[in-house]
Amino acid sequence: MTAPRIAVVDYRKGNLKSVERGIDAAGGDAFIASDPAAIVRADAVVLPGVGAFADAAATMEELGQIGAIRERIAAGAPFLGICLGMHLMFEEGVEGAPQEDDEASTHNARGLAVLPGVVAKMPKQDEQGLSYKVPHVGWNTVHLRCTQQTDWALPRPSADGSETCPLFDGIPTGTYFYFTHGFVAPSGPFVVGETTHSVTFPSAVQYGDVAFGVQFHPEKSSDAGARLLRNFVSIVKGA
């Protein structure tokens, strides 16, 4: 079987080469793409992430990538957002916005709006007042949870929420992955994995059947990350 063509979106930020190598090692045929036409032709799309939400969203809009990615997700093409790439799945983000501390600000940057809500700053203290280092950098566990799939901005048929998220096939709950971030996504029925660092936050999300986001970096997460990327390539092959 021919390896599926998987576009790694280049929005002038992000850890492109390591993600590209990880997908290739997982059995995909990854290629770096900035042209919307190339993104639309791909069998699947990966949106990697390093940088600020507002800057990334503005560049993607300027390059025409926002519409191309939304088009592929709406058409049912598999999608994987990594770290900032997961954040960009949501409606808005405060990171890099003029009023970064105000979640309700009208100046928040707009994302892909595949999932609802605002990506906000990670608090530096938990509910008991214990201080945490932010950004959250290093290894931490991902605890899997069941989800009830809900259609949002780009309606698609929903999967059975009682089933295990296929992205984590063969990966036990509580597995360690590598994180580096200072902002967290909102919670909701789309959450399939959670992690705790000052607060419990979504570390994996699912939209429809084949669109996913992970807060951690699978390309930096040793064997567990490699397994997750293999699972994603398998999902692409079956789509």
Protein backbone atom coordinates (compact mmCIF):
# COMPACT_ATOMS: atom_id res chain seq x y z
CA MET A 1 0.00 0.00 0.00
CA THR A 2 1.30 3.44 -0.91
CA ALA A 3 2.19 5.57 2.10
CA PRO A 4 -0.38 8.33 2.63
CA ARG A 5 0.69 11.87 1.80
CA ILE A 6 0.57 13.93 4.99
CA ALA A 7 1.03 17.70 4.86
CA VAL A 8 3.03 19.24 7.71
CA VAL A 9 1.82 22.83 7.64
CA ASP A 10 4.56 25.46 7.47
CA TYR A 11 3.32 28.77 8.87
CA ARG A 12 6.87 30.06 9.40
CA LYS A 13 6.93 28.63 12.90
CA GLY A 14 7.00 25.19 14.41
CA ASN A 15 9.19 22.14 14.77
CA LEU A 16 8.76 21.01 11.19
CA LYS A 17 11.66 18.67 10.47
CA SER A 18 11.33 16.55 13.61
CA VAL A 19 7.60 16.18 13.00
CA GLU A 20 8.23 15.30 9.36
CA ARG A 21 10.80 12.66 10.36
CA GLY A 22 8.45 11.25 13.00
CA ILE A 23 5.62 10.81 10.50
CA ASP A 24 7.94 9.22 7.95
CA ALA A 25 9.22 6.79 10.59
CA ALA A 26 5.58 5.96 11.43
CA GLY A 27 4.90 4.89 7.84
CA GLY A 28 3.57 8.09 6.34
CA ASP A 29 4.91 10.17 3.48
CA ALA A 30 5.26 13.58 5.11
CA PHE A 31 5.93 16.77 3.21
CA ILE A 32 6.19 20.36 4.39
CA ALA A 33 3.50 22.57 2.86
CA SER A 34 2.76 26.28 3.05
CA ASP A 35 0.68 26.52 -0.14
CA PRO A 36 -3.07 26.08 0.55
CA ALA A 37 -3.46 24.11 -2.67
CA ALA A 38 -0.92 21.54 -1.46
CA ILE A 39 -2.68 21.30 1.90
CA VAL A 40 -6.03 20.66 0.21
CA ARG A 41 -4.52 17.87 -1.93
CA ALA A 42 -2.99 16.03 1.04
CA ASP A 43 -4.47 12.83 2.44
CA ALA A 44 -4.09 14.26 5.96
CA VAL A 45 -2.87 17.41 7.68
CA VAL A 46 -0.58 17.89 10.67
CA LEU A 47 -0.36 21.34 12.26
CA PRO A 48 2.78 21.48 14.44
CA GLY A 49 3.31 24.19 16.97
CA VAL A 50 5.93 26.46 18.45
CA GLY A 51 5.23 30.15 18.98
CA ALA A 52 2.35 32.42 19.94
CA PHE A 53 -1.31 31.86 19.01
CA ALA A 54 -1.92 35.37 17.63
CA ASP A 55 1.21 35.45 15.47
CA ALA A 56 0.62 31.96 14.08
CA ALA A 57 -3.07 32.61 13.35
CA ALA A 58 -2.28 35.88 11.57
CA THR A 59 0.37 34.24 9.39
CA MET A 60 -1.90 31.31 8.55
CA GLU A 61 -4.69 33.70 7.57
CA GLU A 62 -2.29 35.72 5.43
CA LEU A 63 -1.09 32.58 3.65
CA GLY A 64 -4.62 31.24 3.10
CA GLN A 65 -4.01 28.19 5.28
CA ILE A 66 -6.94 28.68 7.67
CA GLY A 67 -9.52 28.09 4.95
CA ALA A 68 -7.58 25.18 3.45
CA ILE A 69 -7.29 23.35 6.77
CA ARG A 70 -10.94 23.93 7.64
CA GLU A 71 -11.87 22.59 4.20
CA ARG A 72 -9.90 19.37 4.76
CA ILE A 73 -11.33 18.83 8.25
CA ALA A 74 -14.87 19.46 6.97
CA ALA A 75 -14.26 16.93 4.19
CA GLY A 76 -13.29 14.27 6.74
CA ALA A 77 -9.54 14.25 6.15
CA PRO A 78 -7.54 13.17 9.22
CA PHE A 79 -5.96 16.04 11.13
CA LEU A 80 -3.50 16.25 14.01
CA GLY A 81 -2.72 19.49 15.85
CA ILE A 82 0.40 19.42 18.03
CA CYS A 83 0.85 21.80 21.00
CA LEU A 84 0.11 25.24 19.52
CA GLY A 85 -1.47 23.32 16.64
CA MET A 86 -4.03 21.95 19.10
CA HIS A 87 -4.63 25.44 20.50
CA LEU A 88 -5.30 26.72 16.99
CA MET A 89 -8.21 24.27 16.68
CA PHE A 90 -10.18 26.49 19.07
CA GLU A 91 -12.14 29.66 18.39
CA GLU A 92 -9.81 32.11 20.10
CA GLY A 93 -6.53 32.44 21.98
CA VAL A 94 -5.14 35.12 24.27
CA GLU A 95 -1.45 34.32 23.66
CA GLY A 96 0.17 37.22 21.85
CA ALA A 97 -3.09 39.21 21.78
CA PRO A 98 -3.04 42.89 22.83
CA GLN A 99 -4.82 42.11 26.12
CA GLU A 100 -3.33 38.72 26.91
CA ASP A 101 -4.69 38.53 30.46
CA ASP A 102 -8.33 39.08 29.45
CA GLU A 103 -10.11 35.94 28.17
CA ALA A 104 -13.18 38.02 27.28
CA SER A 105 -11.21 40.58 25.28
CA THR A 106 -12.49 41.49 21.83
CA HIS A 107 -8.83 41.55 20.77
CA ASN A 108 -8.29 37.79 21.13
CA ALA A 109 -6.82 36.11 18.07
CA ARG A 110 -9.11 33.87 16.00
CA GLY A 111 -8.18 30.26 15.38
CA LEU A 112 -9.61 27.55 13.15
CA ALA A 113 -12.80 27.50 15.28
CA VAL A 114 -13.20 23.75 14.90
CA LEU A 115 -13.73 23.55 18.67
CA PRO A 116 -15.39 26.14 20.92
CA GLY A 117 -13.75 28.27 23.55
CA VAL A 118 -10.72 30.39 24.37
CA VAL A 119 -7.16 29.17 24.97
CA ALA A 120 -6.00 30.95 28.15
CA LYS A 121 -2.94 31.38 30.34
CA MET A 122 -2.00 28.50 32.61
CA PRO A 123 -2.28 29.66 36.25
CA LYS A 124 0.89 29.67 38.34
CA GLN A 125 -0.89 28.42 41.46
CA ASP A 126 -3.31 25.60 42.11
CA GLU A 127 -6.52 25.90 44.15
CA GLN A 128 -4.58 25.31 47.39
CA GLY A 129 -2.14 28.14 46.61
CA LEU A 130 0.78 25.85 45.75
CA SER A 131 3.07 27.45 43.17
CA TYR A 132 4.03 25.79 39.89
CA LYS A 133 6.59 26.66 37.26
CA VAL A 134 4.96 28.10 34.15
CA PRO A 135 5.62 27.42 31.31
CA HIS A 136 5.03 23.74 31.99
CA VAL A 137 8.10 22.01 30.56
CA GLY A 138 8.98 18.33 30.86
CA TRP A 139 7.40 14.90 31.12
CA ASN A 140 3.91 14.43 32.50
CA THR A 141 1.15 11.87 32.36
CA VAL A 142 -1.89 11.81 30.10
CA HIS A 143 -5.00 10.27 31.63
CA LEU A 144 -7.47 9.06 29.05
CA ARG A 145 -11.18 9.65 29.43
CA CYS A 146 -14.31 8.82 27.50
CA THR A 147 -15.88 11.58 25.49
CA GLN A 148 -19.26 12.25 23.94
CA GLN A 149 -18.61 13.48 20.44
CA THR A 150 -20.41 16.72 19.59
CA ASP A 151 -20.68 18.51 16.27
CA TRP A 152 -19.38 22.05 16.36
CA ALA A 153 -18.35 24.57 13.72
CA LEU A 154 -17.78 22.02 10.97
CA PRO A 155 -20.48 19.36 11.37
CA ARG A 156 -19.47 15.76 10.76
CA PRO A 157 -20.96 12.40 11.74
CA SER A 158 -19.98 11.61 15.33
CA ALA A 159 -18.16 8.53 16.55
CA ASP A 160 -19.33 6.39 19.45
CA GLY A 161 -17.99 8.22 22.50
CA SER A 162 -17.83 4.98 24.47
CA GLU A 163 -14.99 3.71 22.30
CA THR A 164 -11.32 4.33 23.03
CA CYS A 165 -9.87 7.23 21.09
CA PRO A 166 -8.07 5.53 18.17
CA LEU A 167 -5.13 7.92 18.47
CA PHE A 168 -4.24 6.24 21.79
CA ASP A 169 -4.69 2.64 20.67
CA GLY A 170 -2.25 0.51 22.66
CA ILE A 171 -1.20 3.44 24.87
CA PRO A 172 -2.22 2.98 28.52
CA THR A 173 -3.77 5.78 30.52
CA GLY A 174 -1.13 7.48 32.67
CA THR A 175 1.56 7.26 29.98
CA TYR A 176 4.20 10.01 30.04
CA PHE A 177 4.57 12.49 27.18
CA TYR A 178 6.76 15.57 26.76
CA PHE A 179 5.16 19.00 27.27
CA THR A 180 6.30 22.58 26.78
CA HIS A 181 3.56 25.24 27.02
CA GLY A 182 2.28 28.12 29.12
CA PHE A 183 -1.33 28.24 27.87
CA VAL A 184 -4.17 25.71 28.17
CA ALA A 185 -7.20 24.83 26.09
CA PRO A 186 -10.75 24.98 27.50
CA SER A 187 -12.48 21.81 28.60
CA GLY A 188 -15.55 20.29 26.98
CA PRO A 189 -17.11 17.08 25.64
CA PHE A 190 -14.35 16.86 23.03
CA VAL A 191 -11.62 16.08 25.61
CA VAL A 192 -10.12 12.57 25.40
CA GLY A 193 -7.06 13.08 27.61
CA GLU A 194 -6.21 15.21 30.64
CA THR A 195 -3.03 16.24 32.43
CA THR A 196 -2.48 18.14 35.68
CA HIS A 197 0.04 20.93 36.32
CA SER A 198 -1.38 23.64 38.58
CA VAL A 199 -4.74 22.81 36.96
CA THR A 200 -6.18 19.82 35.17
CA PHE A 201 -6.25 20.73 31.49
CA PRO A 202 -7.08 19.01 28.18
CA SER A 203 -4.00 17.28 26.81
CA ALA A 204 -5.82 15.50 23.98
CA VAL A 205 -8.98 16.42 22.08
CA GLN A 206 -11.02 14.83 19.30
CA TYR A 207 -13.37 16.40 16.77
CA GLY A 208 -15.58 14.02 14.82
CA ASP A 209 -13.95 10.72 13.89
CA VAL A 210 -10.47 11.59 12.60
CA ALA A 211 -9.47 15.10 13.76
CA PHE A 212 -7.31 15.25 16.88
CA GLY A 213 -5.19 17.63 18.90
CA VAL A 214 -2.51 16.90 21.51
CA GLN A 215 -0.96 19.39 23.92
CA PHE A 216 2.30 17.44 24.15
CA HIS A 217 4.94 16.83 21.48
CA PRO A 218 4.75 13.23 20.21
CA GLU A 219 7.91 13.78 18.14
CA LYS A 220 9.78 14.39 21.44
CA SER A 221 8.01 11.70 23.47
CA SER A 222 10.12 8.61 22.82
CA ASP A 223 8.32 5.28 22.30
CA ALA A 224 4.88 6.54 23.38
CA GLY A 225 5.06 9.43 20.92
CA ALA A 226 6.21 7.13 18.14
CA ARG A 227 3.27 4.81 18.84
CA LEU A 228 0.84 7.73 18.71
CA LEU A 229 2.21 8.84 15.34
CA ARG A 230 1.92 5.26 14.03
CA ASN A 231 -1.69 5.24 15.21
CA PHE A 232 -2.33 8.49 13.36
CA VAL A 233 -0.83 7.11 10.14
CA SER A 234 -3.03 4.01 10.53
CA ILE A 235 -6.06 6.27 10.91
CA VAL A 236 -5.06 8.08 7.72
CA LYS A 237 -4.72 4.80 5.84
CA GLY A 238 -8.19 3.75 6.97
CA ALA A 239 -9.91 7.05 6.21
